[in-house]
Structures are given as structure tokens and as C-alpha cells.
Amino acid sequence: MGRRKSGQAISGWVCLDKPLGMGSTQAVSAVRRLFDANKAGHAGTLDPLASGVLPIALGEATKTVAFMMEARKAYRFTIEWGVSTDSVDKEGAEIGRSDVRPSVEQVRAALPAFVGEIQQTPPRFSAIKVDGQRAYDLARDGVEFELASRPVTIHSAEVTDAPDVDHVEITIHTGKGVYVRSLARDLALALGAEGHVSALRRLRVGPFSTENSVTLDFLTDLVHRSAASEGLLPVATALD
């Protein structure tokens, strides 16, 4: 006989507002422990440097994760002009510097070229596999390699804030497989500038959004009050 999984047979979705600094696997483990669930998974990796919507499936909901792979997503991110990094985020090593600061009008004029079905090359620091190894591992080891571009779809892109000349905030709605860091890299290149993503927040994955998301602190409080079920969405939510 197979070994029974520990935990309870709890089923449903948790729309977690993942905090900065926490990986997706770490977030799933935290939620699984809180609910003492016997099975858990997530619908769409979110990097530690990003916050926002991470749909976590518990129990029978894990059988509906596949339906979320094609779901539309929404992101809000900030580009910091002046410095580009090898990972296109604030933790990477500097690889370029420029005094060019694109205006809001220039950014708005450039964005339409990135809307629709486009060819996008993933960043070198990504989970894409190259000959069986993760690209980010090869990049960290200084190995030279090339990543092929692939078709992705960006449904809309608009400037939503520009707090100062060094930063611009953009909100996008996308299909699957879009890398925000690649968009930031390519937009900076198109504008003759250097830049990197200094902030990233996922706003939506299909039916899951910041409007129905919960924090780990909120879930912890529910568990302490024996009201954990209040933090669960129905299994069928992924089918909406």
C-alpha cells in the first residue's frame, strides 16, 4: 500500500497576496501548513522580488490548476531609468549606465509596439531550461548561452504613474509566458535608455485578483480563530 499523505483533505483556492522576499514554493508551503492541507500547488510562479496575486490550490483544487495556465494576467511595474542590470531587476549586477531619461510622452509613444502578439526573448536570469539546466544557474556561473525568442501576447500597456524623471510606472494585461523584465529591457532599448525593474506587483491571474486576495497575516488570524474556511475560495473558481 502507498503511504498516505499527512494533513487534512481540505479543498479550495487561496488567493494569496504574496509579500516581497518570499518565493512561490515558500508561500505554498506556508499556506499548506496553516491549513494543514494534504495537497497544495500554485498557478503561476511569482518571483521573490515581486508581490501580489499568487493563486494557491489546496486538495481537489490542484486538479484545476491546468485551467489557469491559459489565464490572462495583469501586472503593475516600475522602471528605474539610468542603470541596467544583468537580471533586469534591482538585485542584478550593473551592466550599463546612461543619462537618458525618457519622457512620459516618449514612453507612451513607444508602448504600442509591444501590444498584440510579439516576439519576446526571456531574460537570462529566468527559469527557462537550457540543455536541462535552468538559465539563471548558467547565468550565475558565467556560462555563455542564447535563449530563443518566442511569441507572447500583451493585450494592453499604459503608463499609470511617473513620480519623477527617474521612474515610470506601467500597467499591462497579458497572456501566458510574458516576462515583465524582458518588456522593460526591450522598452529601454527602444528608447535609447538604460533601465531595470525596481518594483513589480501582479494584480490578477484569471478570476483571482488583488480584490479577493488575502495576506498570510490575515490567514494566520483566521486559523487562530478556527475560521480558516473563510479564507478559501471554491474549487470551481478556476473554472469561472
Foldseek 3Di string as FASTA:
>chain_A
DDDQFWFDQDWFKFFAFADAQDWLVRVQVLVCVLRRARDKDWQDTDGNQATETIIMTTHPLVVLSVLLQFWKWKKKFKKFFFWAFLQLEPPGDTDDGDPDQDDLVLLQVLVVVQAAKDWFFDRQLAQDDDPRHGSNVCVVVVHDDGTGTDIWHWHDKHWDDDPDSRMTMMMTMTTHDDDPSRVSCVSCVVVVTHIGIHYMYIADRHLRGPVLHDYSVVLNVCSVVVNNCVSGHHSCSSVD
